[in-house]
Amino acid sequence: MFATVIGRLRITGILEGISFLLLLGFAMPLKYIWHQEIYVRYCGWAHGILFILYCLCLLHAKLAHRWKLKFSLVLFLAAFIPFGTFVADRKLRSMPADR
């Protein structure tokens, strides 16, 4: 999957989605219920890096495949919704291979 532009976008999207769910479902409850702030620091740091990588891969895929701005914007906004990147991955999986 790393060999294609869409493959790299799919992998970073899945990893970004997992990090987002870990941040919301694991680290945030630990911070606000049991006052364990260290988990938010590291989960948030990892999520931030993966979000930036996702944005860069999305930009690369948009330019390489000449996607319309609307489609790219939907994929970008999916990163802000829990499970959004997993839904976006289903659409990306059905797309033709790189040119």
PDB file of N, CA and C in Angstrom:
ATOM      1  N   MET A   1       0.814  -1.207   0.000  1.00  0.00           N
ATOM      2  CA  MET A   1       0.000   0.000   0.000  1.00  0.00           C
ATOM      3  C   MET A   1       0.854   1.267   0.000  1.00  0.00           C
ATOM      4  N   PHE A   2       2.083   1.193   0.486  1.00  0.00           N
ATOM      5  CA  PHE A   2       2.929   2.384   0.508  1.00  0.00           C
ATOM      6  C   PHE A   2       3.401   2.793  -0.884  1.00  0.00           C
ATOM      7  N   ALA A   3       3.216   1.918  -1.862  1.00  0.00           N
ATOM      8  CA  ALA A   3       3.734   2.183  -3.203  1.00  0.00           C
ATOM      9  C   ALA A   3       2.884   3.190  -3.971  1.00  0.00           C
ATOM     10  N   THR A   4       1.641   3.386  -3.575  1.00  0.00           N
ATOM     11  CA  THR A   4       0.768   4.294  -4.316  1.00  0.00           C
ATOM     12  C   THR A   4       0.407   5.515  -3.461  1.00  0.00           C
ATOM     13  N   VAL A   5       0.029   6.569  -4.129  1.00  0.00           N
ATOM     14  CA  VAL A   5      -0.362   7.803  -3.445  1.00  0.00           C
ATOM     15  C   VAL A   5      -1.613   7.562  -2.607  1.00  0.00           C
ATOM     16  N   ILE A   6      -2.595   6.894  -3.193  1.00  0.00           N
ATOM     17  CA  ILE A   6      -3.838   6.620  -2.459  1.00  0.00           C
ATOM     18  C   ILE A   6      -3.574   5.645  -1.318  1.00  0.00           C
ATOM     19  N   GLY A   7      -2.676   4.691  -1.517  1.00  0.00           N
ATOM     20  CA  GLY A   7      -2.327   3.753  -0.454  1.00  0.00           C
ATOM     21  C   GLY A   7      -1.726   4.463   0.751  1.00  0.00           C
ATOM     22  N   ARG A   8      -0.837   5.400   0.495  1.00  0.00           N
ATOM     23  CA  ARG A   8      -0.244   6.174   1.600  1.00  0.00           C
ATOM     24  C   ARG A   8      -1.300   7.024   2.303  1.00  0.00           C
ATOM     25  N   LEU A   9      -2.219   7.594   1.530  1.00  0.00           N
ATOM     26  CA  LEU A   9      -3.311   8.378   2.128  1.00  0.00           C
ATOM     27  C   LEU A   9      -4.193   7.484   2.994  1.00  0.00           C
ATOM     28  N   ARG A  10      -4.498   6.285   2.510  1.00  0.00           N
ATOM     29  CA  ARG A  10      -5.340   5.367   3.278  1.00  0.00           C
ATOM     30  C   ARG A  10      -4.664   4.968   4.584  1.00  0.00           C
ATOM     31  N   ILE A  11      -3.387   4.642   4.533  1.00  0.00           N
ATOM     32  CA  ILE A  11      -2.671   4.213   5.746  1.00  0.00           C
ATOM     33  C   ILE A  11      -2.599   5.344   6.758  1.00  0.00           C
ATOM     34  N   THR A  12      -2.237   6.541   6.303  1.00  0.00           N
ATOM     35  CA  THR A  12      -2.160   7.654   7.252  1.00  0.00           C
ATOM     36  C   THR A  12      -3.544   8.013   7.785  1.00  0.00           C
ATOM     37  N   GLY A  13      -4.574   7.860   6.971  1.00  0.00           N
ATOM     38  CA  GLY A  13      -5.936   8.116   7.436  1.00  0.00           C
ATOM     39  C   GLY A  13      -6.367   7.135   8.512  1.00  0.00           C
ATOM     40  N   ILE A  14      -6.035   5.873   8.328  1.00  0.00           N
ATOM     41  CA  ILE A  14      -6.382   4.868   9.334  1.00  0.00           C
ATOM     42  C   ILE A  14      -5.618   5.128  10.630  1.00  0.00           C
ATOM     43  N   LEU A  15      -4.323   5.403  10.520  1.00  0.00           N
ATOM     44  CA  LEU A  15      -3.523   5.676  11.726  1.00  0.00           C
ATOM     45  C   LEU A  15      -3.991   6.949  12.426  1.00  0.00           C
ATOM     46  N   GLU A  16      -4.332   7.969  11.651  1.00  0.00           N
ATOM     47  CA  GLU A  16      -4.825   9.217  12.226  1.00  0.00           C
ATOM     48  C   GLU A  16      -6.157   8.988  12.926  1.00  0.00           C
ATOM     49  N   GLY A  17      -7.021   8.190  12.311  1.00  0.00           N
ATOM     50  CA  GLY A  17      -8.303   7.878  12.924  1.00  0.00           C
ATOM     51  C   GLY A  17      -8.154   7.109  14.232  1.00  0.00           C
ATOM     52  N   ILE A  18      -7.231   6.157  14.259  1.00  0.00           N
ATOM     53  CA  ILE A  18      -6.974   5.398  15.488  1.00  0.00           C
ATOM     54  C   ILE A  18      -6.440   6.318  16.578  1.00  0.00           C
ATOM     55  N   SER A  19      -5.509   7.196  16.210  1.00  0.00           N
ATOM     56  CA  SER A  19      -4.947   8.105  17.218  1.00  0.00           C
ATOM     57  C   SER A  19      -6.007   9.068  17.749  1.00  0.00           C
ATOM     58  N   PHE A  20      -6.928   9.490  16.886  1.00  0.00           N
ATOM     59  CA  PHE A  20      -8.014  10.371  17.308  1.00  0.00           C
ATOM     60  C   PHE A  20      -8.943   9.663  18.291  1.00  0.00           C
ATOM     61  N   LEU A  21      -9.277   8.412  17.984  1.00  0.00           N
ATOM     62  CA  LEU A  21     -10.145   7.644  18.877  1.00  0.00           C
ATOM     63  C   LEU A  21      -9.453   7.365  20.214  1.00  0.00           C
ATOM     64  N   LEU A  22      -8.150   7.087  20.178  1.00  0.00           N
ATOM     65  CA  LEU A  22      -7.406   6.891  21.427  1.00  0.00           C
ATOM     66  C   LEU A  22      -7.373   8.166  22.255  1.00  0.00           C
ATOM     67  N   LEU A  23      -7.205   9.275  21.591  1.00  0.00           N
ATOM     68  CA  LEU A  23      -7.180  10.556  22.296  1.00  0.00           C
ATOM     69  C   LEU A  23      -8.536  10.841  22.940  1.00  0.00           C
ATOM     70  N   LEU A  24      -9.614  10.650  22.187  1.00  0.00           N
ATOM     71  CA  LEU A  24     -10.942  10.952  22.715  1.00  0.00           C
ATOM     72  C   LEU A  24     -11.449   9.909  23.708  1.00  0.00           C
ATOM     73  N   GLY A  25     -11.179   8.640  23.427  1.00  0.00           N
ATOM     74  CA  GLY A  25     -11.762   7.578  24.232  1.00  0.00           C
ATOM     75  C   GLY A  25     -10.912   7.062  25.366  1.00  0.00           C
ATOM     76  N   PHE A  26      -9.617   7.344  25.330  1.00  0.00           N
ATOM     77  CA  PHE A  26      -8.711   6.832  26.352  1.00  0.00           C
ATOM     78  C   PHE A  26      -8.044   7.962  27.134  1.00  0.00           C
ATOM     79  N   ALA A  27      -7.343   8.838  26.415  1.00  0.00           N
ATOM     80  CA  ALA A  27      -6.536   9.863  27.080  1.00  0.00           C
ATOM     81  C   ALA A  27      -7.386  10.952  27.739  1.00  0.00           C
ATOM     82  N   MET A  28      -8.415  11.416  27.053  1.00  0.00           N
ATOM     83  CA  MET A  28      -9.250  12.480  27.625  1.00  0.00           C
ATOM     84  C   MET A  28      -9.995  12.029  28.879  1.00  0.00           C
ATOM     85  N   PRO A  29     -10.610  10.838  28.884  1.00  0.00           N
ATOM     86  CA  PRO A  29     -11.232  10.398  30.141  1.00  0.00           C
ATOM     87  C   PRO A  29     -10.224  10.252  31.283  1.00  0.00           C
ATOM     88  N   LEU A  30      -9.024   9.764  30.975  1.00  0.00           N
ATOM     89  CA  LEU A  30      -8.009   9.663  32.026  1.00  0.00           C
ATOM     90  C   LEU A  30      -7.640  11.035  32.575  1.00  0.00           C
ATOM     91  N   LYS A  31      -7.608  12.027  31.700  1.00  0.00           N
ATOM     92  CA  LYS A  31      -7.258  13.370  32.143  1.00  0.00           C
ATOM     93  C   LYS A  31      -8.352  13.971  33.030  1.00  0.00           C
ATOM     94  N   TYR A  32      -9.592  13.880  32.588  1.00  0.00           N
ATOM     95  CA  TYR A  32     -10.661  14.586  33.292  1.00  0.00           C
ATOM     96  C   TYR A  32     -11.298  13.796  34.427  1.00  0.00           C
ATOM     97  N   ILE A  33     -11.159  12.479  34.423  1.00  0.00           N
ATOM     98  CA  ILE A  33     -11.738  11.690  35.511  1.00  0.00           C
ATOM     99  C   ILE A  33     -10.694  11.382  36.579  1.00  0.00           C
ATOM    100  N   TRP A  34      -9.511  10.915  36.137  1.00  0.00           N
ATOM    101  CA  TRP A  34      -8.489  10.503  37.101  1.00  0.00           C
ATOM    102  C   TRP A  34      -7.289  11.457  37.148  1.00  0.00           C
ATOM    103  N   HIS A  35      -7.369  12.582  36.467  1.00  0.00           N
ATOM    104  CA  HIS A  35      -6.331  13.629  36.498  1.00  0.00           C
ATOM    105  C   HIS A  35      -4.959  13.105  36.077  1.00  0.00           C
ATOM    106  N   GLN A  36      -4.949  12.236  35.078  1.00  0.00           N
ATOM    107  CA  GLN A  36      -3.712  11.705  34.501  1.00  0.00           C
ATOM    108  C   GLN A  36      -3.458  12.425  33.173  1.00  0.00           C
ATOM    109  N   GLU A  37      -2.772  13.558  33.250  1.00  0.00           N
ATOM    110  CA  GLU A  37      -2.614  14.397  32.063  1.00  0.00           C
ATOM    111  C   GLU A  37      -1.521  13.919  31.113  1.00  0.00           C
ATOM    112  N   ILE A  38      -0.662  13.039  31.551  1.00  0.00           N
ATOM    113  CA  ILE A  38       0.468  12.604  30.733  1.00  0.00           C
ATOM    114  C   ILE A  38       0.013  11.884  29.465  1.00  0.00           C
ATOM    115  N   TYR A  39      -1.114  11.162  29.534  1.00  0.00           N
ATOM    116  CA  TYR A  39      -1.592  10.417  28.372  1.00  0.00           C
ATOM    117  C   TYR A  39      -2.077  11.351  27.266  1.00  0.00           C
ATOM    118  N   VAL A  40      -2.677  12.457  27.648  1.00  0.00           N
ATOM    119  CA  VAL A  40      -3.120  13.432  26.647  1.00  0.00           C
ATOM    120  C   VAL A  40      -1.914  14.043  25.952  1.00  0.00           C
ATOM    121  N   ARG A  41      -0.866  14.265  26.692  1.00  0.00           N
ATOM    122  CA  ARG A  41       0.337  14.854  26.094  1.00  0.00           C
ATOM    123  C   ARG A  41       0.872  13.958  24.981  1.00  0.00           C
ATOM    124  N   TYR A  42       1.033  12.680  25.261  1.00  0.00           N
ATOM    125  CA  TYR A  42       1.639  11.791  24.271  1.00  0.00           C
ATOM    126  C   TYR A  42       0.665  11.378  23.174  1.00  0.00           C
ATOM    127  N   CYS A  43      -0.585  11.103  23.525  1.00  0.00           N
ATOM    128  CA  CYS A  43      -1.582  10.786  22.489  1.00  0.00           C
ATOM    129  C   CYS A  43      -1.837  12.006  21.607  1.00  0.00           C
ATOM    130  N   GLY A  44      -1.894  13.170  22.210  1.00  0.00           N
ATOM    131  CA  GLY A  44      -2.106  14.395  21.447  1.00  0.00           C
ATOM    132  C   GLY A  44      -0.944  14.708  20.531  1.00  0.00           C
ATOM    133  N   TRP A  45       0.265  14.458  21.009  1.00  0.00           N
ATOM    134  CA  TRP A  45       1.464  14.680  20.206  1.00  0.00           C
ATOM    135  C   TRP A  45       1.458  13.738  18.996  1.00  0.00           C
ATOM    136  N   ALA A  46       1.185  12.463  19.233  1.00  0.00           N
ATOM    137  CA  ALA A  46       1.156  11.486  18.142  1.00  0.00           C
ATOM    138  C   ALA A  46       0.030  11.815  17.157  1.00  0.00           C
ATOM    139  N   HIS A  47      -1.121  12.186  17.687  1.00  0.00           N
ATOM    140  CA  HIS A  47      -2.249  12.529  16.824  1.00  0.00           C
ATOM    141  C   HIS A  47      -1.928  13.766  15.973  1.00  0.00           C
ATOM    142  N   GLY A  48      -1.283  14.741  16.550  1.00  0.00           N
ATOM    143  CA  GLY A  48      -0.921  15.941  15.795  1.00  0.00           C
ATOM    144  C   GLY A  48       0.003  15.642  14.636  1.00  0.00           C
ATOM    145  N   ILE A  49       0.997  14.807  14.871  1.00  0.00           N
ATOM    146  CA  ILE A  49       1.931  14.424  13.796  1.00  0.00           C
ATOM    147  C   ILE A  49       1.195  13.642  12.711  1.00  0.00           C
ATOM    148  N   LEU A  50       0.340  12.707  13.123  1.00  0.00           N
ATOM    149  CA  LEU A  50      -0.403  11.912  12.141  1.00  0.00           C
ATOM    150  C   LEU A  50      -1.405  12.767  11.368  1.00  0.00           C
ATOM    151  N   PHE A  51      -1.982  13.769  12.018  1.00  0.00           N
ATOM    152  CA  PHE A  51      -2.900  14.671  11.322  1.00  0.00           C
ATOM    153  C   PHE A  51      -2.144  15.466  10.254  1.00  0.00           C
ATOM    154  N   ILE A  52      -0.974  15.951  10.585  1.00  0.00           N
ATOM    155  CA  ILE A  52      -0.172  16.691   9.608  1.00  0.00           C
ATOM    156  C   ILE A  52       0.223  15.792   8.446  1.00  0.00           C
ATOM    157  N   LEU A  53       0.629  14.555   8.741  1.00  0.00           N
ATOM    158  CA  LEU A  53       0.964  13.604   7.678  1.00  0.00           C
ATOM    159  C   LEU A  53      -0.247  13.315   6.789  1.00  0.00           C
ATOM    160  N   TYR A  54      -1.421  13.180   7.411  1.00  0.00           N
ATOM    161  CA  TYR A  54      -2.644  12.946   6.648  1.00  0.00           C
ATOM    162  C   TYR A  54      -2.910  14.125   5.707  1.00  0.00           C
ATOM    163  N   CYS A  55      -2.758  15.337   6.203  1.00  0.00           N
ATOM    164  CA  CYS A  55      -2.982  16.524   5.365  1.00  0.00           C
ATOM    165  C   CYS A  55      -1.991  16.580   4.204  1.00  0.00           C
ATOM    166  N   LEU A  56      -0.740  16.241   4.471  1.00  0.00           N
ATOM    167  CA  LEU A  56       0.267  16.245   3.408  1.00  0.00           C
ATOM    168  C   LEU A  56      -0.026  15.160   2.370  1.00  0.00           C
ATOM    169  N   CYS A  57      -0.412  13.984   2.827  1.00  0.00           N
ATOM    170  CA  CYS A  57      -0.764  12.907   1.892  1.00  0.00           C
ATOM    171  C   CYS A  57      -2.008  13.271   1.086  1.00  0.00           C
ATOM    172  N   LEU A  58      -2.960  13.932   1.728  1.00  0.00           N
ATOM    173  CA  LEU A  58      -4.164  14.370   1.030  1.00  0.00           C
ATOM    174  C   LEU A  58      -3.827  15.406  -0.045  1.00  0.00           C
ATOM    175  N   LEU A  59      -2.957  16.329   0.282  1.00  0.00           N
ATOM    176  CA  LEU A  59      -2.538  17.332  -0.704  1.00  0.00           C
ATOM    177  C   LEU A  59      -1.825  16.661  -1.875  1.00  0.00           C
ATOM    178  N   HIS A  60      -0.949  15.714  -1.572  1.00  0.00           N
ATOM    179  CA  HIS A  60      -0.230  14.993  -2.622  1.00  0.00           C
ATOM    180  C   HIS A  60      -1.209  14.231  -3.522  1.00  0.00           C
ATOM    181  N   ALA A  61      -2.181  13.557  -2.917  1.00  0.00           N
ATOM    182  CA  ALA A  61      -3.160  12.803  -3.706  1.00  0.00           C
ATOM    183  C   ALA A  61      -4.031  13.740  -4.538  1.00  0.00           C
ATOM    184  N   LYS A  62      -4.414  14.885  -3.970  1.00  0.00           N
ATOM    185  CA  LYS A  62      -5.228  15.844  -4.716  1.00  0.00           C
ATOM    186  C   LYS A  62      -4.497  16.335  -5.950  1.00  0.00           C
ATOM    187  N   LEU A  63      -3.217  16.655  -5.783  1.00  0.00           N
ATOM    188  CA  LEU A  63      -2.442  17.154  -6.915  1.00  0.00           C
ATOM    189  C   LEU A  63      -2.140  16.058  -7.925  1.00  0.00           C
ATOM    190  N   ALA A  64      -1.842  14.855  -7.440  1.00  0.00           N
ATOM    191  CA  ALA A  64      -1.492  13.751  -8.337  1.00  0.00           C
ATOM    192  C   ALA A  64      -2.689  13.264  -9.148  1.00  0.00           C
ATOM    193  N   HIS A  65      -3.862  13.261  -8.554  1.00  0.00           N
ATOM    194  CA  HIS A  65      -5.055  12.738  -9.229  1.00  0.00           C
ATOM    195  C   HIS A  65      -5.995  13.829  -9.724  1.00  0.00           C
ATOM    196  N   ARG A  66      -5.628  15.070  -9.479  1.00  0.00           N
ATOM    197  CA  ARG A  66      -6.428  16.224  -9.910  1.00  0.00           C
ATOM    198  C   ARG A  66      -7.871  16.128  -9.422  1.00  0.00           C
ATOM    199  N   TRP A  67      -7.998  15.828  -8.124  1.00  0.00           N
ATOM    200  CA  TRP A  67      -9.324  15.749  -7.528  1.00  0.00           C
ATOM    201  C   TRP A  67      -9.925  17.145  -7.438  1.00  0.00           C
ATOM    202  N   LYS A  68     -11.236  17.189  -7.462  1.00  0.00           N
ATOM    203  CA  LYS A  68     -11.930  18.462  -7.268  1.00  0.00           C
ATOM    204  C   LYS A  68     -11.761  18.913  -5.825  1.00  0.00           C
ATOM    205  N   LEU A  69     -11.854  20.211  -5.633  1.00  0.00           N
ATOM    206  CA  LEU A  69     -11.682  20.783  -4.300  1.00  0.00           C
ATOM    207  C   LEU A  69     -12.730  20.244  -3.331  1.00  0.00           C
ATOM    208  N   LYS A  70     -13.954  20.048  -3.793  1.00  0.00           N
ATOM    209  CA  LYS A  70     -15.025  19.561  -2.932  1.00  0.00           C
ATOM    210  C   LYS A  70     -14.701  18.172  -2.372  1.00  0.00           C
ATOM    211  N   PHE A  71     -14.216  17.272  -3.210  1.00  0.00           N
ATOM    212  CA  PHE A  71     -13.866  15.928  -2.764  1.00  0.00           C
ATOM    213  C   PHE A  71     -12.721  15.974  -1.755  1.00  0.00           C
ATOM    214  N   SER A  72     -11.713  16.774  -2.035  1.00  0.00           N
ATOM    215  CA  SER A  72     -10.580  16.914  -1.110  1.00  0.00           C
ATOM    216  C   SER A  72     -11.017  17.528   0.213  1.00  0.00           C
ATOM    217  N   LEU A  73     -11.920  18.480   0.152  1.00  0.00           N
ATOM    218  CA  LEU A  73     -12.423  19.113   1.367  1.00  0.00           C
ATOM    219  C   LEU A  73     -13.207  18.123   2.229  1.00  0.00           C
ATOM    220  N   VAL A  74     -13.980  17.260   1.593  1.00  0.00           N
ATOM    221  CA  VAL A  74     -14.717  16.226   2.338  1.00  0.00           C
ATOM    222  C   VAL A  74     -13.742  15.290   3.035  1.00  0.00           C
ATOM    223  N   LEU A  75     -12.678  14.881   2.344  1.00  0.00           N
ATOM    224  CA  LEU A  75     -11.673  14.015   2.958  1.00  0.00           C
ATOM    225  C   LEU A  75     -10.954  14.732   4.098  1.00  0.00           C
ATOM    226  N   PHE A  76     -10.712  16.021   3.947  1.00  0.00           N
ATOM    227  CA  PHE A  76     -10.074  16.794   5.013  1.00  0.00           C
ATOM    228  C   PHE A  76     -10.990  16.890   6.234  1.00  0.00           C
ATOM    229  N   LEU A  77     -12.256  17.199   6.008  1.00  0.00           N
ATOM    230  CA  LEU A  77     -13.198  17.337   7.120  1.00  0.00           C
ATOM    231  C   LEU A  77     -13.461  16.007   7.824  1.00  0.00           C
ATOM    232  N   ALA A  78     -13.261  14.904   7.119  1.00  0.00           N
ATOM    233  CA  ALA A  78     -13.438  13.582   7.739  1.00  0.00           C
ATOM    234  C   ALA A  78     -12.477  13.381   8.899  1.00  0.00           C
ATOM    235  N   ALA A  79     -11.342  14.050   8.881  1.00  0.00           N
ATOM    236  CA  ALA A  79     -10.354  13.917   9.952  1.00  0.00           C
ATOM    237  C   ALA A  79     -10.826  14.559  11.253  1.00  0.00           C
ATOM    238  N   PHE A  80     -11.845  15.401  11.185  1.00  0.00           N
ATOM    239  CA  PHE A  80     -12.345  16.077  12.378  1.00  0.00           C
ATOM    240  C   PHE A  80     -13.525  15.358  13.028  1.00  0.00           C
ATOM    241  N   ILE A  81     -13.984  14.297  12.401  1.00  0.00           N
ATOM    242  CA  ILE A  81     -15.138  13.550  12.888  1.00  0.00           C
ATOM    243  C   ILE A  81     -14.661  12.179  13.354  1.00  0.00           C
ATOM    244  N   PRO A  82     -15.032  11.760  14.566  1.00  0.00           N
ATOM    245  CA  PRO A  82     -14.656  10.402  14.987  1.00  0.00           C
ATOM    246  C   PRO A  82     -15.168   9.371  13.975  1.00  0.00           C
ATOM    247  N   PHE A  83     -14.334   8.442  13.605  1.00  0.00           N
ATOM    248  CA  PHE A  83     -14.598   7.406  12.604  1.00  0.00           C
ATOM    249  C   PHE A  83     -14.700   7.972  11.188  1.00  0.00           C
ATOM    250  N   GLY A  84     -14.468   9.259  11.004  1.00  0.00           N
ATOM    251  CA  GLY A  84     -14.588   9.873   9.682  1.00  0.00           C
ATOM    252  C   GLY A  84     -13.565   9.365   8.689  1.00  0.00           C
ATOM    253  N   THR A  85     -12.345   9.160   9.128  1.00  0.00           N
ATOM    254  CA  THR A  85     -11.320   8.679   8.202  1.00  0.00           C
ATOM    255  C   THR A  85     -11.573   7.236   7.802  1.00  0.00           C
ATOM    256  N   PHE A  86     -12.259   6.476   8.648  1.00  0.00           N
ATOM    257  CA  PHE A  86     -12.582   5.094   8.294  1.00  0.00           C
ATOM    258  C   PHE A  86     -13.663   5.055   7.211  1.00  0.00           C
ATOM    259  N   VAL A  87     -14.608   5.977   7.298  1.00  0.00           N
ATOM    260  CA  VAL A  87     -15.639   6.090   6.258  1.00  0.00           C
ATOM    261  C   VAL A  87     -14.995   6.564   4.954  1.00  0.00           C
ATOM    262  N   ALA A  88     -14.092   7.518   5.042  1.00  0.00           N
ATOM    263  CA  ALA A  88     -13.391   8.016   3.860  1.00  0.00           C
ATOM    264  C   ALA A  88     -12.546   6.911   3.223  1.00  0.00           C
ATOM    265  N   ASP A  89     -11.998   6.027   4.045  1.00  0.00           N
ATOM    266  CA  ASP A  89     -11.186   4.931   3.532  1.00  0.00           C
ATOM    267  C   ASP A  89     -12.006   4.003   2.640  1.00  0.00           C
ATOM    268  N   ARG A  90     -13.262   3.800   2.977  1.00  0.00           N
ATOM    269  CA  ARG A  90     -14.120   2.953   2.132  1.00  0.00           C
ATOM    270  C   ARG A  90     -14.249   3.543   0.732  1.00  0.00           C
ATOM    271  N   LYS A  91     -14.359   4.866   0.657  1.00  0.00           N
ATOM    272  CA  LYS A  91     -14.444   5.515  -0.658  1.00  0.00           C
ATOM    273  C   LYS A  91     -13.103   5.414  -1.395  1.00  0.00           C
ATOM    274  N   LEU A  92     -12.002   5.625  -0.677  1.00  0.00           N
ATOM    275  CA  LEU A  92     -10.685   5.563  -1.297  1.00  0.00           C
ATOM    276  C   LEU A  92     -10.347   4.161  -1.775  1.00  0.00           C
ATOM    277  N   ARG A  93     -10.825   3.150  -1.068  1.00  0.00           N
ATOM    278  CA  ARG A  93     -10.558   1.750  -1.433  1.00  0.00           C
ATOM    279  C   ARG A  93     -11.174   1.416  -2.788  1.00  0.00           C
ATOM    280  N   SER A  94     -12.280   2.049  -3.121  1.00  0.00           N
ATOM    281  CA  SER A  94     -12.967   1.746  -4.368  1.00  0.00           C
ATOM    282  C   SER A  94     -12.429   2.550  -5.560  1.00  0.00           C
ATOM    283  N   MET A  95     -11.470   3.414  -5.325  1.00  0.00           N
ATOM    284  CA  MET A  95     -10.927   4.246  -6.397  1.00  0.00           C
ATOM    285  C   MET A  95      -9.921   3.446  -7.222  1.00  0.00           C
ATOM    286  N   PRO A  96      -9.756   3.799  -8.495  1.00  0.00           N
ATOM    287  CA  PRO A  96      -8.790   3.078  -9.336  1.00  0.00           C
ATOM    288  C   PRO A  96      -7.357   3.332  -8.862  1.00  0.00           C
ATOM    289  N   ALA A  97      -6.471   2.439  -9.249  1.00  0.00           N
ATOM    290  CA  ALA A  97      -5.063   2.538  -8.855  1.00  0.00           C
ATOM    291  C   ALA A  97      -4.433   3.803  -9.435  1.00  0.00           C
ATOM    292  N   ASP A  98      -3.286   4.144  -8.896  1.00  0.00           N
ATOM    293  CA  ASP A  98      -2.583   5.346  -9.353  1.00  0.00           C
ATOM    294  C   ASP A  98      -2.222   5.228 -10.827  1.00  0.00           C
ATOM    295  N   ARG A  99      -2.102   6.372 -11.428  1.00  0.00           N
ATOM    296  CA  ARG A  99      -1.768   6.451 -12.849  1.00  0.00           C
ATOM    297  C   ARG A  99      -0.309   6.174 -13.090  1.00  0.00           C
TER     298      ARG A  99
END
